[in-house]
Amino acid sequence: MATMTMIQAIRSALDVALGRDENVVVFGEDVGYFGGVFRCTEGLQAKYGKTRVFDSPITEGGIVGTAIGMAAYGLRPVAEIQFADYVYPGYDQIVSGAARIRYRSAGDFTSPLTLRMPCGGGIYGGQTHSQSPEAIFTHVCGLRTVMPSNPYDAKGLLIAAIECDDPVIFLEPKRLYNGPFDGHHERPVVSWKGDPHAEVPEGHYTVPLDSAAVFRPGRDLTVLTYGTMVWVSACAAEETGIDAEIIDLRGLWPMDLDTVVASVKRTGRCVVVHEATRTSGFGAELVALVQEHCFWHLEAPIERVTGWDTPYPHAQEWQYFPGPDRVGAAYRRTMEA
């Protein structure tokens, strides 16, 4: 086992995939010689050459379209969108091409591609470098959408995504790249060193794409969350003294509904937490699923803690970001209902 940051775990996953399968290629803006804006691909071009790890022009539609063509003809491309905020010019290609090609070709073609993209706020990135667009992908049949919360899961999920024959949207919470974050921005930055989730095997392993994890066992209520909010939700549990069971979804869609239902039925209370905007966010789907499958077991209304229905504000970052105080308040409301 090695201790890795999420950046190092992602780089290790790409290294393993490139070494195991000559059909894997990695490309995107600045991912080659420069090693990516966050250095997730650092050193890979030097190791595997310019035909397997290379830079693309600044064209998200071109990046996605090229990846779809590569995948249709037998390669396994791993394309990076430099920030999730930039993916929108490639969205038509993702929906109309990658997600539908298996259906439209009656199974003659598949699209085994992985689209990596850093997402989320907490880095003072403002409106164009802080968005969480997961809901626009979970809405599309034919796509898998994944978001890890720690280095171990990041590596195992990314290798599983690359080996999957479906197109996978792989969202990376950039606030977690170098350490866990509990939402207390006023405190010193914490590294991954010493955290058990940073103990990562150096070789090949996978984490199933549609598997949730019980991040923190508890008896009082169930928290359904993912990405950075896993750590914020855990902090809120410690600060309120409420024994919250925190489910890290990991795979957003398809999702591990059995784990979700089992936990909510046991606790009888549920809080949904995500960083993305509230209206039509993925949390709304989670609330609907809990209501459908757990109604007779609920002891209180389901609570939802999210970002606001505004662009991500640079000057009011921590008013927008769902911190432990807002999450903890939802815990208390649920317990007092």
C-alpha atoms as a PDB file:
ATOM      1  CA  MET A   1       0.000   0.000   0.000  1.00  0.00           C
ATOM      2  CA  ALA A   2       1.075   3.538  -0.725  1.00  0.00           C
ATOM      3  CA  THR A   3      -0.297   6.768   0.697  1.00  0.00           C
ATOM      4  CA  MET A   4      -1.689   8.822  -2.195  1.00  0.00           C
ATOM      5  CA  THR A   5      -3.507  12.053  -2.736  1.00  0.00           C
ATOM      6  CA  MET A   6      -6.490  11.893  -5.052  1.00  0.00           C
ATOM      7  CA  ILE A   7      -4.312  13.389  -7.797  1.00  0.00           C
ATOM      8  CA  GLN A   8      -1.749  10.627  -7.356  1.00  0.00           C
ATOM      9  CA  ALA A   9      -4.462   7.953  -7.204  1.00  0.00           C
ATOM     10  CA  ILE A  10      -5.963   9.159 -10.484  1.00  0.00           C
ATOM     11  CA  ARG A  11      -2.532   9.248 -12.099  1.00  0.00           C
ATOM     12  CA  SER A  12      -1.852   5.724 -10.808  1.00  0.00           C
ATOM     13  CA  ALA A  13      -5.153   4.489 -12.272  1.00  0.00           C
ATOM     14  CA  LEU A  14      -4.282   5.950 -15.662  1.00  0.00           C
ATOM     15  CA  ASP A  15      -0.804   4.434 -15.457  1.00  0.00           C
ATOM     16  CA  VAL A  16      -2.236   0.997 -14.665  1.00  0.00           C
ATOM     17  CA  ALA A  17      -4.806   1.219 -17.469  1.00  0.00           C
ATOM     18  CA  LEU A  18      -2.263   2.393 -20.046  1.00  0.00           C
ATOM     19  CA  GLY A  19       0.119  -0.380 -19.041  1.00  0.00           C
ATOM     20  CA  ARG A  20      -2.475  -3.155 -19.176  1.00  0.00           C
ATOM     21  CA  ASP A  21      -4.217  -2.290 -22.438  1.00  0.00           C
ATOM     22  CA  GLU A  22      -2.568  -0.774 -25.518  1.00  0.00           C
ATOM     23  CA  ASN A  23      -5.998   0.441 -26.686  1.00  0.00           C
ATOM     24  CA  VAL A  24      -6.214   2.935 -23.807  1.00  0.00           C
ATOM     25  CA  VAL A  25      -5.341   6.500 -24.833  1.00  0.00           C
ATOM     26  CA  VAL A  26      -5.377   9.656 -22.714  1.00  0.00           C
ATOM     27  CA  PHE A  27      -5.883  13.126 -24.138  1.00  0.00           C
ATOM     28  CA  GLY A  28      -7.254  16.581 -23.459  1.00  0.00           C
ATOM     29  CA  GLU A  29      -6.175  20.172 -23.009  1.00  0.00           C
ATOM     30  CA  ASP A  30      -2.631  20.320 -21.563  1.00  0.00           C
ATOM     31  CA  VAL A  31      -2.670  16.679 -20.387  1.00  0.00           C
ATOM     32  CA  GLY A  32       0.433  15.650 -22.367  1.00  0.00           C
ATOM     33  CA  TYR A  33       3.733  17.465 -21.886  1.00  0.00           C
ATOM     34  CA  PHE A  34       2.300  19.763 -19.196  1.00  0.00           C
ATOM     35  CA  GLY A  35       0.712  16.910 -17.217  1.00  0.00           C
ATOM     36  CA  GLY A  36      -2.681  18.563 -16.811  1.00  0.00           C
ATOM     37  CA  VAL A  37      -3.666  21.723 -14.981  1.00  0.00           C
ATOM     38  CA  PHE A  38      -3.860  19.706 -11.720  1.00  0.00           C
ATOM     39  CA  ARG A  39      -0.957  17.387 -12.706  1.00  0.00           C
ATOM     40  CA  CYS A  40      -3.139  14.274 -12.805  1.00  0.00           C
ATOM     41  CA  THR A  41      -1.359  13.070 -15.977  1.00  0.00           C
ATOM     42  CA  GLU A  42       2.147  14.206 -15.069  1.00  0.00           C
ATOM     43  CA  GLY A  43       4.835  11.923 -16.467  1.00  0.00           C
ATOM     44  CA  LEU A  44       2.484   9.717 -18.473  1.00  0.00           C
ATOM     45  CA  GLN A  45       3.437  11.105 -21.885  1.00  0.00           C
ATOM     46  CA  ALA A  46       7.120  10.579 -21.121  1.00  0.00           C
ATOM     47  CA  LYS A  47       6.374   6.966 -20.158  1.00  0.00           C
ATOM     48  CA  TYR A  48       3.899   5.971 -22.900  1.00  0.00           C
ATOM     49  CA  GLY A  49       4.697   8.335 -25.758  1.00  0.00           C
ATOM     50  CA  LYS A  50       2.932  11.100 -27.652  1.00  0.00           C
ATOM     51  CA  THR A  51       0.584   8.769 -29.529  1.00  0.00           C
ATOM     52  CA  ARG A  52      -1.045   7.493 -26.329  1.00  0.00           C
ATOM     53  CA  VAL A  53      -0.962  10.564 -24.087  1.00  0.00           C
ATOM     54  CA  PHE A  54      -1.392  13.794 -26.013  1.00  0.00           C
ATOM     55  CA  ASP A  55      -2.729  17.329 -26.008  1.00  0.00           C
ATOM     56  CA  SER A  56      -5.889  18.419 -27.784  1.00  0.00           C
ATOM     57  CA  PRO A  57      -6.960  21.815 -29.095  1.00  0.00           C
ATOM     58  CA  ILE A  58      -9.220  23.916 -26.873  1.00  0.00           C
ATOM     59  CA  THR A  59     -12.472  22.453 -28.189  1.00  0.00           C
ATOM     60  CA  GLU A  60     -14.675  20.441 -25.857  1.00  0.00           C
ATOM     61  CA  GLY A  61     -16.974  19.390 -28.699  1.00  0.00           C
ATOM     62  CA  GLY A  62     -13.933  18.184 -30.608  1.00  0.00           C
ATOM     63  CA  ILE A  63     -12.529  16.328 -27.608  1.00  0.00           C
ATOM     64  CA  VAL A  64     -15.788  14.453 -27.015  1.00  0.00           C
ATOM     65  CA  GLY A  65     -16.425  13.783 -30.702  1.00  0.00           C
ATOM     66  CA  THR A  66     -12.915  12.427 -31.193  1.00  0.00           C
ATOM     67  CA  ALA A  67     -13.311  10.181 -28.151  1.00  0.00           C
ATOM     68  CA  ILE A  68     -16.595   8.784 -29.511  1.00  0.00           C
ATOM     69  CA  GLY A  69     -14.966   7.967 -32.851  1.00  0.00           C
ATOM     70  CA  MET A  70     -12.008   6.325 -31.156  1.00  0.00           C
ATOM     71  CA  ALA A  71     -14.288   4.257 -28.931  1.00  0.00           C
ATOM     72  CA  ALA A  72     -16.488   3.145 -31.825  1.00  0.00           C
ATOM     73  CA  TYR A  73     -13.437   1.724 -33.575  1.00  0.00           C
ATOM     74  CA  GLY A  74     -11.979  -0.211 -30.675  1.00  0.00           C
ATOM     75  CA  LEU A  75      -9.937   2.176 -28.562  1.00  0.00           C
ATOM     76  CA  ARG A  76     -10.647   3.035 -24.932  1.00  0.00           C
ATOM     77  CA  PRO A  77     -10.151   6.791 -24.755  1.00  0.00           C
ATOM     78  CA  VAL A  78      -9.869   8.663 -21.469  1.00  0.00           C
ATOM     79  CA  ALA A  79     -10.566  12.273 -22.329  1.00  0.00           C
ATOM     80  CA  GLU A  80     -10.165  15.127 -19.871  1.00  0.00           C
ATOM     81  CA  ILE A  81     -12.423  18.163 -19.816  1.00  0.00           C
ATOM     82  CA  GLN A  82     -10.214  20.652 -17.971  1.00  0.00           C
ATOM     83  CA  PHE A  83     -13.089  21.859 -15.755  1.00  0.00           C
ATOM     84  CA  ALA A  84     -16.620  20.439 -15.635  1.00  0.00           C
ATOM     85  CA  ASP A  85     -17.821  23.995 -16.250  1.00  0.00           C
ATOM     86  CA  TYR A  86     -16.451  23.710 -19.808  1.00  0.00           C
ATOM     87  CA  VAL A  87     -18.285  20.533 -20.809  1.00  0.00           C
ATOM     88  CA  TYR A  88     -21.383  22.205 -22.241  1.00  0.00           C
ATOM     89  CA  PRO A  89     -20.062  22.632 -25.834  1.00  0.00           C
ATOM     90  CA  GLY A  90     -19.536  18.843 -25.852  1.00  0.00           C
ATOM     91  CA  TYR A  91     -22.910  17.979 -24.333  1.00  0.00           C
ATOM     92  CA  ASP A  92     -24.656  17.295 -27.629  1.00  0.00           C
ATOM     93  CA  GLN A  93     -21.915  14.843 -28.584  1.00  0.00           C
ATOM     94  CA  ILE A  94     -22.233  13.122 -25.192  1.00  0.00           C
ATOM     95  CA  VAL A  95     -26.020  12.781 -25.361  1.00  0.00           C
ATOM     96  CA  SER A  96     -26.631  12.211 -29.067  1.00  0.00           C
ATOM     97  CA  GLY A  97     -23.466  10.231 -29.733  1.00  0.00           C
ATOM     98  CA  ALA A  98     -21.823   8.486 -26.787  1.00  0.00           C
ATOM     99  CA  ALA A  99     -24.972   7.687 -24.825  1.00  0.00           C
ATOM    100  CA  ARG A 100     -27.059   6.503 -27.787  1.00  0.00           C
ATOM    101  CA  ILE A 101     -24.662   4.740 -30.122  1.00  0.00           C
ATOM    102  CA  ARG A 102     -25.256   1.244 -28.744  1.00  0.00           C
ATOM    103  CA  TYR A 103     -29.038   1.634 -29.096  1.00  0.00           C
ATOM    104  CA  ARG A 104     -28.917   3.378 -32.478  1.00  0.00           C
ATOM    105  CA  SER A 105     -26.610   0.742 -33.960  1.00  0.00           C
ATOM    106  CA  ALA A 106     -28.550  -2.207 -32.490  1.00  0.00           C
ATOM    107  CA  GLY A 107     -25.427  -3.173 -30.579  1.00  0.00           C
ATOM    108  CA  ASP A 108     -23.031  -3.025 -33.526  1.00  0.00           C
ATOM    109  CA  PHE A 109     -21.094  -0.188 -31.869  1.00  0.00           C
ATOM    110  CA  THR A 110     -20.357   0.669 -28.254  1.00  0.00           C
ATOM    111  CA  SER A 111     -18.750   3.697 -26.677  1.00  0.00           C
ATOM    112  CA  PRO A 112     -16.239   2.550 -24.048  1.00  0.00           C
ATOM    113  CA  LEU A 113     -14.971   6.024 -23.237  1.00  0.00           C
ATOM    114  CA  THR A 114     -14.309   7.843 -19.979  1.00  0.00           C
ATOM    115  CA  LEU A 115     -14.724  11.600 -19.624  1.00  0.00           C
ATOM    116  CA  ARG A 116     -12.800  12.928 -16.632  1.00  0.00           C
ATOM    117  CA  MET A 117     -13.638  16.374 -15.327  1.00  0.00           C
ATOM    118  CA  PRO A 118     -12.836  18.269 -12.112  1.00  0.00           C
ATOM    119  CA  CYS A 119     -15.974  19.658 -10.491  1.00  0.00           C
ATOM    120  CA  GLY A 120     -17.258  21.537  -7.473  1.00  0.00           C
ATOM    121  CA  GLY A 121     -16.279  24.598  -5.497  1.00  0.00           C
ATOM    122  CA  GLY A 122     -14.454  25.490  -2.341  1.00  0.00           C
ATOM    123  CA  ILE A 123     -11.396  26.759  -4.237  1.00  0.00           C
ATOM    124  CA  TYR A 124     -12.435  30.373  -4.917  1.00  0.00           C
ATOM    125  CA  GLY A 125     -12.914  29.496  -8.566  1.00  0.00           C
ATOM    126  CA  GLY A 126     -16.015  31.598  -9.142  1.00  0.00           C
ATOM    127  CA  GLN A 127     -18.872  30.802 -11.477  1.00  0.00           C
ATOM    128  CA  THR A 128     -16.833  29.270 -14.313  1.00  0.00           C
ATOM    129  CA  HIS A 129     -14.612  26.969 -12.242  1.00  0.00           C
ATOM    130  CA  SER A 130     -16.910  25.688  -9.472  1.00  0.00           C
ATOM    131  CA  GLN A 131     -19.977  24.057 -10.977  1.00  0.00           C
ATOM    132  CA  SER A 132     -21.365  20.596 -10.177  1.00  0.00           C
ATOM    133  CA  PRO A 133     -23.241  19.477 -13.322  1.00  0.00           C
ATOM    134  CA  GLU A 134     -23.859  15.822 -12.389  1.00  0.00           C
ATOM    135  CA  ALA A 135     -27.642  16.040 -12.810  1.00  0.00           C
ATOM    136  CA  ILE A 136     -27.430  16.804 -16.531  1.00  0.00           C
ATOM    137  CA  PHE A 137     -25.655  13.469 -16.976  1.00  0.00           C
ATOM    138  CA  THR A 138     -27.700  11.277 -14.615  1.00  0.00           C
ATOM    139  CA  HIS A 139     -30.757  12.379 -16.623  1.00  0.00           C
ATOM    140  CA  VAL A 140     -29.379  10.745 -19.797  1.00  0.00           C
ATOM    141  CA  CYS A 141     -30.012   7.040 -20.343  1.00  0.00           C
ATOM    142  CA  GLY A 142     -26.927   5.309 -21.678  1.00  0.00           C
ATOM    143  CA  LEU A 143     -24.445   7.150 -19.458  1.00  0.00           C
ATOM    144  CA  ARG A 144     -22.839   6.111 -16.190  1.00  0.00           C
ATOM    145  CA  THR A 145     -22.042   8.942 -13.770  1.00  0.00           C
ATOM    146  CA  VAL A 146     -19.480   8.513 -10.992  1.00  0.00           C
ATOM    147  CA  MET A 147     -18.025  10.792  -8.292  1.00  0.00           C
ATOM    148  CA  PRO A 148     -15.434   9.523  -5.776  1.00  0.00           C
ATOM    149  CA  SER A 149     -14.786  11.098  -2.376  1.00  0.00           C
ATOM    150  CA  ASN A 150     -11.319   9.747  -1.587  1.00  0.00           C
ATOM    151  CA  PRO A 151      -8.124   8.425  -3.207  1.00  0.00           C
ATOM    152  CA  TYR A 152      -8.859   4.706  -2.763  1.00  0.00           C
ATOM    153  CA  ASP A 153     -12.234   4.961  -4.461  1.00  0.00           C
ATOM    154  CA  ALA A 154     -10.916   7.347  -7.104  1.00  0.00           C
ATOM    155  CA  LYS A 155      -8.372   4.833  -8.378  1.00  0.00           C
ATOM    156  CA  GLY A 156     -10.630   1.790  -8.207  1.00  0.00           C
ATOM    157  CA  LEU A 157     -13.578   3.562  -9.816  1.00  0.00           C
ATOM    158  CA  LEU A 158     -11.455   5.099 -12.581  1.00  0.00           C
ATOM    159  CA  ILE A 159      -9.948   1.746 -13.575  1.00  0.00           C
ATOM    160  CA  ALA A 160     -13.449   0.238 -13.556  1.00  0.00           C
ATOM    161  CA  ALA A 161     -14.689   3.123 -15.705  1.00  0.00           C
ATOM    162  CA  ILE A 162     -11.923   2.657 -18.275  1.00  0.00           C
ATOM    163  CA  GLU A 163     -12.606  -1.086 -18.470  1.00  0.00           C
ATOM    164  CA  CYS A 164     -16.379  -0.565 -18.778  1.00  0.00           C
ATOM    165  CA  ASP A 165     -18.000  -0.843 -22.222  1.00  0.00           C
ATOM    166  CA  ASP A 166     -20.377   2.041 -21.441  1.00  0.00           C
ATOM    167  CA  PRO A 167     -19.514   5.751 -21.566  1.00  0.00           C
ATOM    168  CA  VAL A 168     -18.657   6.952 -18.056  1.00  0.00           C
ATOM    169  CA  ILE A 169     -18.771  10.528 -16.776  1.00  0.00           C
ATOM    170  CA  PHE A 170     -16.066  10.614 -14.108  1.00  0.00           C
ATOM    171  CA  LEU A 171     -16.463  13.698 -11.905  1.00  0.00           C
ATOM    172  CA  GLU A 172     -13.543  14.599  -9.634  1.00  0.00           C
ATOM    173  CA  PRO A 173     -14.224  16.970  -6.692  1.00  0.00           C
ATOM    174  CA  LYS A 174     -11.187  19.197  -6.989  1.00  0.00           C
ATOM    175  CA  ARG A 175     -11.453  20.447  -3.394  1.00  0.00           C
ATOM    176  CA  LEU A 176     -10.492  16.881  -2.409  1.00  0.00           C
ATOM    177  CA  TYR A 177      -7.521  16.529  -4.757  1.00  0.00           C
ATOM    178  CA  ASN A 178      -4.944  17.208  -2.032  1.00  0.00           C
ATOM    179  CA  GLY A 179      -6.844  16.401   1.145  1.00  0.00           C
ATOM    180  CA  PRO A 180     -10.246  15.852   2.785  1.00  0.00           C
ATOM    181  CA  PHE A 181     -12.338  18.977   3.418  1.00  0.00           C
ATOM    182  CA  ASP A 182     -14.951  19.241   6.152  1.00  0.00           C
ATOM    183  CA  GLY A 183     -16.314  22.606   5.036  1.00  0.00           C
ATOM    184  CA  HIS A 184     -14.451  24.695   7.615  1.00  0.00           C
ATOM    185  CA  HIS A 185     -12.624  26.996   5.222  1.00  0.00           C
ATOM    186  CA  GLU A 186     -11.288  29.081   8.100  1.00  0.00           C
ATOM    187  CA  ARG A 187      -9.173  26.162   9.377  1.00  0.00           C
ATOM    188  CA  PRO A 188      -5.749  25.064   8.049  1.00  0.00           C
ATOM    189  CA  VAL A 189      -5.732  22.832   4.989  1.00  0.00           C
ATOM    190  CA  VAL A 190      -5.599  19.107   5.816  1.00  0.00           C
ATOM    191  CA  SER A 191      -3.596  16.623   3.724  1.00  0.00           C
ATOM    192  CA  TRP A 192      -4.471  13.009   2.929  1.00  0.00           C
ATOM    193  CA  LYS A 193      -1.485  11.816   4.966  1.00  0.00           C
ATOM    194  CA  GLY A 194      -2.623   9.493   7.746  1.00  0.00           C
ATOM    195  CA  ASP A 195      -6.151   9.071   6.435  1.00  0.00           C
ATOM    196  CA  PRO A 196      -7.044   5.401   5.839  1.00  0.00           C
ATOM    197  CA  HIS A 197      -8.866   6.327   2.621  1.00  0.00           C
ATOM    198  CA  ALA A 198      -5.504   7.428   1.225  1.00  0.00           C
ATOM    199  CA  GLU A 199      -4.006   3.942   1.534  1.00  0.00           C
ATOM    200  CA  VAL A 200      -4.070   2.849  -2.098  1.00  0.00           C
ATOM    201  CA  PRO A 201      -2.734  -0.362  -3.697  1.00  0.00           C
ATOM    202  CA  GLU A 202      -0.123   0.405  -6.324  1.00  0.00           C
ATOM    203  CA  GLY A 203      -1.365  -2.213  -8.779  1.00  0.00           C
ATOM    204  CA  HIS A 204      -4.658  -3.073 -10.449  1.00  0.00           C
ATOM    205  CA  TYR A 205      -7.959  -3.185  -8.572  1.00  0.00           C
ATOM    206  CA  THR A 206     -11.478  -1.977  -9.233  1.00  0.00           C
ATOM    207  CA  VAL A 207     -14.412  -0.586  -7.282  1.00  0.00           C
ATOM    208  CA  PRO A 208     -17.803  -1.476  -8.855  1.00  0.00           C
ATOM    209  CA  LEU A 209     -19.278   1.569 -10.559  1.00  0.00           C
ATOM    210  CA  ASP A 210     -22.772   1.057  -9.145  1.00  0.00           C
ATOM    211  CA  SER A 211     -21.770   0.389  -5.527  1.00  0.00           C
ATOM    212  CA  ALA A 212     -22.373   2.724  -2.592  1.00  0.00           C
ATOM    213  CA  ALA A 213     -20.317   2.652   0.611  1.00  0.00           C
ATOM    214  CA  VAL A 214     -21.313   3.184   4.233  1.00  0.00           C
ATOM    215  CA  PHE A 215     -18.809   5.931   4.991  1.00  0.00           C
ATOM    216  CA  ARG A 216     -19.984   6.317   8.600  1.00  0.00           C
ATOM    217  CA  PRO A 217     -22.315   3.842  10.329  1.00  0.00           C
ATOM    218  CA  GLY A 218     -25.092   5.365  12.414  1.00  0.00           C
ATOM    219  CA  ARG A 219     -28.533   4.798  13.931  1.00  0.00           C
ATOM    220  CA  ASP A 220     -30.290   8.177  14.096  1.00  0.00           C
ATOM    221  CA  LEU A 221     -30.680   9.122  10.428  1.00  0.00           C
ATOM    222  CA  THR A 222     -29.376   8.360   6.945  1.00  0.00           C
ATOM    223  CA  VAL A 223     -27.425  10.874   4.883  1.00  0.00           C
ATOM    224  CA  LEU A 224     -27.301  10.341   1.122  1.00  0.00           C
ATOM    225  CA  THR A 225     -24.413  12.235  -0.406  1.00  0.00           C
ATOM    226  CA  TYR A 226     -21.287  12.071  -2.558  1.00  0.00           C
ATOM    227  CA  GLY A 227     -18.030  13.862  -3.337  1.00  0.00           C
ATOM    228  CA  THR A 228     -16.884  16.637  -1.012  1.00  0.00           C
ATOM    229  CA  MET A 229     -20.181  16.600   0.854  1.00  0.00           C
ATOM    230  CA  VAL A 230     -19.324  13.180   2.315  1.00  0.00           C
ATOM    231  CA  TRP A 231     -16.699  14.869   4.490  1.00  0.00           C
ATOM    232  CA  VAL A 232     -18.892  17.860   5.292  1.00  0.00           C
ATOM    233  CA  SER A 233     -21.722  15.533   6.351  1.00  0.00           C
ATOM    234  CA  ALA A 234     -19.378  13.552   8.589  1.00  0.00           C
ATOM    235  CA  CYS A 235     -18.179  16.770  10.229  1.00  0.00           C
ATOM    236  CA  ALA A 236     -21.794  17.825  10.836  1.00  0.00           C
ATOM    237  CA  ALA A 237     -22.482  14.499  12.557  1.00  0.00           C
ATOM    238  CA  GLU A 238     -19.533  14.958  14.895  1.00  0.00           C
ATOM    239  CA  GLU A 239     -20.399  18.563  15.697  1.00  0.00           C
ATOM    240  CA  THR A 240     -24.102  17.921  16.392  1.00  0.00           C
ATOM    241  CA  GLY A 241     -23.613  14.631  18.211  1.00  0.00           C
ATOM    242  CA  ILE A 242     -26.266  13.074  15.971  1.00  0.00           C
ATOM    243  CA  ASP A 243     -25.434   9.499  15.020  1.00  0.00           C
ATOM    244  CA  ALA A 244     -25.816   9.875  11.261  1.00  0.00           C
ATOM    245  CA  GLU A 245     -25.222   6.975   8.888  1.00  0.00           C
ATOM    246  CA  ILE A 246     -23.511   8.503   5.870  1.00  0.00           C
ATOM    247  CA  ILE A 247     -23.934   6.716   2.550  1.00  0.00           C
ATOM    248  CA  ASP A 248     -21.317   7.691  -0.022  1.00  0.00           C
ATOM    249  CA  LEU A 249     -23.130   6.927  -3.270  1.00  0.00           C
ATOM    250  CA  ARG A 250     -19.932   6.871  -5.403  1.00  0.00           C
ATOM    251  CA  GLY A 251     -21.877   5.718  -8.465  1.00  0.00           C
ATOM    252  CA  LEU A 252     -24.652   8.265  -8.967  1.00  0.00           C
ATOM    253  CA  TRP A 253     -26.333   6.454 -11.840  1.00  0.00           C
ATOM    254  CA  PRO A 254     -26.815   3.568 -12.042  1.00  0.00           C
ATOM    255  CA  MET A 255     -26.862   3.680  -8.255  1.00  0.00           C
ATOM    256  CA  ASP A 256     -26.822   1.156  -5.442  1.00  0.00           C
ATOM    257  CA  LEU A 257     -30.465   1.488  -4.436  1.00  0.00           C
ATOM    258  CA  ASP A 258     -30.372  -1.564  -2.157  1.00  0.00           C
ATOM    259  CA  THR A 259     -27.839   0.050   0.190  1.00  0.00           C
ATOM    260  CA  VAL A 260     -29.835   3.288   0.266  1.00  0.00           C
ATOM    261  CA  VAL A 261     -33.154   1.586   0.995  1.00  0.00           C
ATOM    262  CA  ALA A 262     -31.724  -0.700   3.675  1.00  0.00           C
ATOM    263  CA  SER A 263     -30.213   2.237   5.557  1.00  0.00           C
ATOM    264  CA  VAL A 264     -33.284   4.501   5.398  1.00  0.00           C
ATOM    265  CA  LYS A 265     -35.596   1.689   6.469  1.00  0.00           C
ATOM    266  CA  ARG A 266     -33.359   1.059   9.475  1.00  0.00           C
ATOM    267  CA  THR A 267     -33.002   4.700  10.619  1.00  0.00           C
ATOM    268  CA  GLY A 268     -36.412   6.039   9.538  1.00  0.00           C
ATOM    269  CA  ARG A 269     -34.991   9.467   8.717  1.00  0.00           C
ATOM    270  CA  CYS A 270     -33.153  10.817   5.678  1.00  0.00           C
ATOM    271  CA  VAL A 271     -31.144  13.915   4.733  1.00  0.00           C
ATOM    272  CA  VAL A 272     -29.892  14.426   1.171  1.00  0.00           C
ATOM    273  CA  VAL A 273     -26.809  16.627   0.690  1.00  0.00           C
ATOM    274  CA  HIS A 274     -25.132  17.866  -2.481  1.00  0.00           C
ATOM    275  CA  GLU A 275     -23.191  20.914  -3.599  1.00  0.00           C
ATOM    276  CA  ALA A 276     -25.014  21.496  -6.889  1.00  0.00           C
ATOM    277  CA  THR A 277     -27.908  23.908  -7.281  1.00  0.00           C
ATOM    278  CA  ARG A 278     -31.148  22.826  -5.638  1.00  0.00           C
ATOM    279  CA  THR A 279     -33.865  22.840  -8.301  1.00  0.00           C
ATOM    280  CA  SER A 280     -33.783  19.684 -10.437  1.00  0.00           C
ATOM    281  CA  GLY A 281     -30.529  18.655  -8.761  1.00  0.00           C
ATOM    282  CA  PHE A 282     -29.741  14.970  -8.314  1.00  0.00           C
ATOM    283  CA  GLY A 283     -30.983  15.262  -4.749  1.00  0.00           C
ATOM    284  CA  ALA A 284     -34.533  15.589  -6.056  1.00  0.00           C
ATOM    285  CA  GLU A 285     -34.216  12.126  -7.616  1.00  0.00           C
ATOM    286  CA  LEU A 286     -32.848  10.745  -4.368  1.00  0.00           C
ATOM    287  CA  VAL A 287     -35.757  12.212  -2.416  1.00  0.00           C
ATOM    288  CA  ALA A 288     -38.225  10.676  -4.884  1.00  0.00           C
ATOM    289  CA  LEU A 289     -36.584   7.248  -4.651  1.00  0.00           C
ATOM    290  CA  VAL A 290     -36.607   7.284  -0.849  1.00  0.00           C
ATOM    291  CA  GLN A 291     -40.248   8.354  -0.849  1.00  0.00           C
ATOM    292  CA  GLU A 292     -41.172   5.564  -3.280  1.00  0.00           C
ATOM    293  CA  HIS A 293     -39.265   2.782  -1.537  1.00  0.00           C
ATOM    294  CA  CYS A 294     -39.257   3.780   2.137  1.00  0.00           C
ATOM    295  CA  PHE A 295     -42.479   5.760   2.729  1.00  0.00           C
ATOM    296  CA  TRP A 296     -43.925   3.488   5.411  1.00  0.00           C
ATOM    297  CA  HIS A 297     -40.626   3.513   7.322  1.00  0.00           C
ATOM    298  CA  LEU A 298     -40.132   7.293   7.452  1.00  0.00           C
ATOM    299  CA  GLU A 299     -40.512   9.002  10.835  1.00  0.00           C
ATOM    300  CA  ALA A 300     -39.954  12.538   9.490  1.00  0.00           C
ATOM    301  CA  PRO A 301     -39.996  14.489   6.209  1.00  0.00           C
ATOM    302  CA  ILE A 302     -36.896  14.080   4.034  1.00  0.00           C
ATOM    303  CA  GLU A 303     -34.537  17.055   4.263  1.00  0.00           C
ATOM    304  CA  ARG A 304     -32.425  18.406   1.394  1.00  0.00           C
ATOM    305  CA  VAL A 305     -29.281  20.565   1.783  1.00  0.00           C
ATOM    306  CA  THR A 306     -27.812  21.943  -1.446  1.00  0.00           C
ATOM    307  CA  GLY A 307     -26.261  24.893  -3.184  1.00  0.00           C
ATOM    308  CA  TRP A 308     -28.581  27.760  -4.037  1.00  0.00           C
ATOM    309  CA  ASP A 309     -30.365  28.438  -7.326  1.00  0.00           C
ATOM    310  CA  THR A 310     -27.815  31.023  -8.421  1.00  0.00           C
ATOM    311  CA  PRO A 311     -24.550  31.049 -10.337  1.00  0.00           C
ATOM    312  CA  TYR A 312     -21.690  30.064  -8.035  1.00  0.00           C
ATOM    313  CA  PRO A 313     -20.762  33.411  -6.419  1.00  0.00           C
ATOM    314  CA  HIS A 314     -17.102  34.239  -5.986  1.00  0.00           C
ATOM    315  CA  ALA A 315     -17.597  36.835  -3.239  1.00  0.00           C
ATOM    316  CA  GLN A 316     -20.123  34.714  -1.287  1.00  0.00           C
ATOM    317  CA  GLU A 317     -18.483  31.324  -1.765  1.00  0.00           C
ATOM    318  CA  TRP A 318     -19.121  30.098   1.772  1.00  0.00           C
ATOM    319  CA  GLN A 319     -22.723  31.280   1.830  1.00  0.00           C
ATOM    320  CA  TYR A 320     -23.343  29.143  -1.271  1.00  0.00           C
ATOM    321  CA  PHE A 321     -21.247  26.125  -0.249  1.00  0.00           C
ATOM    322  CA  PRO A 322     -23.305  23.761   1.981  1.00  0.00           C
ATOM    323  CA  GLY A 323     -21.140  23.769   5.092  1.00  0.00           C
ATOM    324  CA  PRO A 324     -21.438  21.735   8.300  1.00  0.00           C
ATOM    325  CA  ASP A 325     -23.644  24.358   9.985  1.00  0.00           C
ATOM    326  CA  ARG A 326     -26.351  24.088   7.298  1.00  0.00           C
ATOM    327  CA  VAL A 327     -26.066  20.301   7.180  1.00  0.00           C
ATOM    328  CA  GLY A 328     -26.177  20.053  10.973  1.00  0.00           C
ATOM    329  CA  ALA A 329     -29.286  22.243  11.101  1.00  0.00           C
ATOM    330  CA  ALA A 330     -30.999  19.800   8.732  1.00  0.00           C
ATOM    331  CA  TYR A 331     -30.000  16.912  11.008  1.00  0.00           C
ATOM    332  CA  ARG A 332     -31.597  18.656  13.984  1.00  0.00           C
ATOM    333  CA  ARG A 333     -34.807  19.469  12.102  1.00  0.00           C
ATOM    334  CA  THR A 334     -35.107  15.846  11.052  1.00  0.00           C
ATOM    335  CA  MET A 335     -34.585  14.553  14.590  1.00  0.00           C
ATOM    336  CA  GLU A 336     -37.050  17.053  16.095  1.00  0.00           C
ATOM    337  CA  ALA A 337     -39.829  16.458  13.535  1.00  0.00           C
END
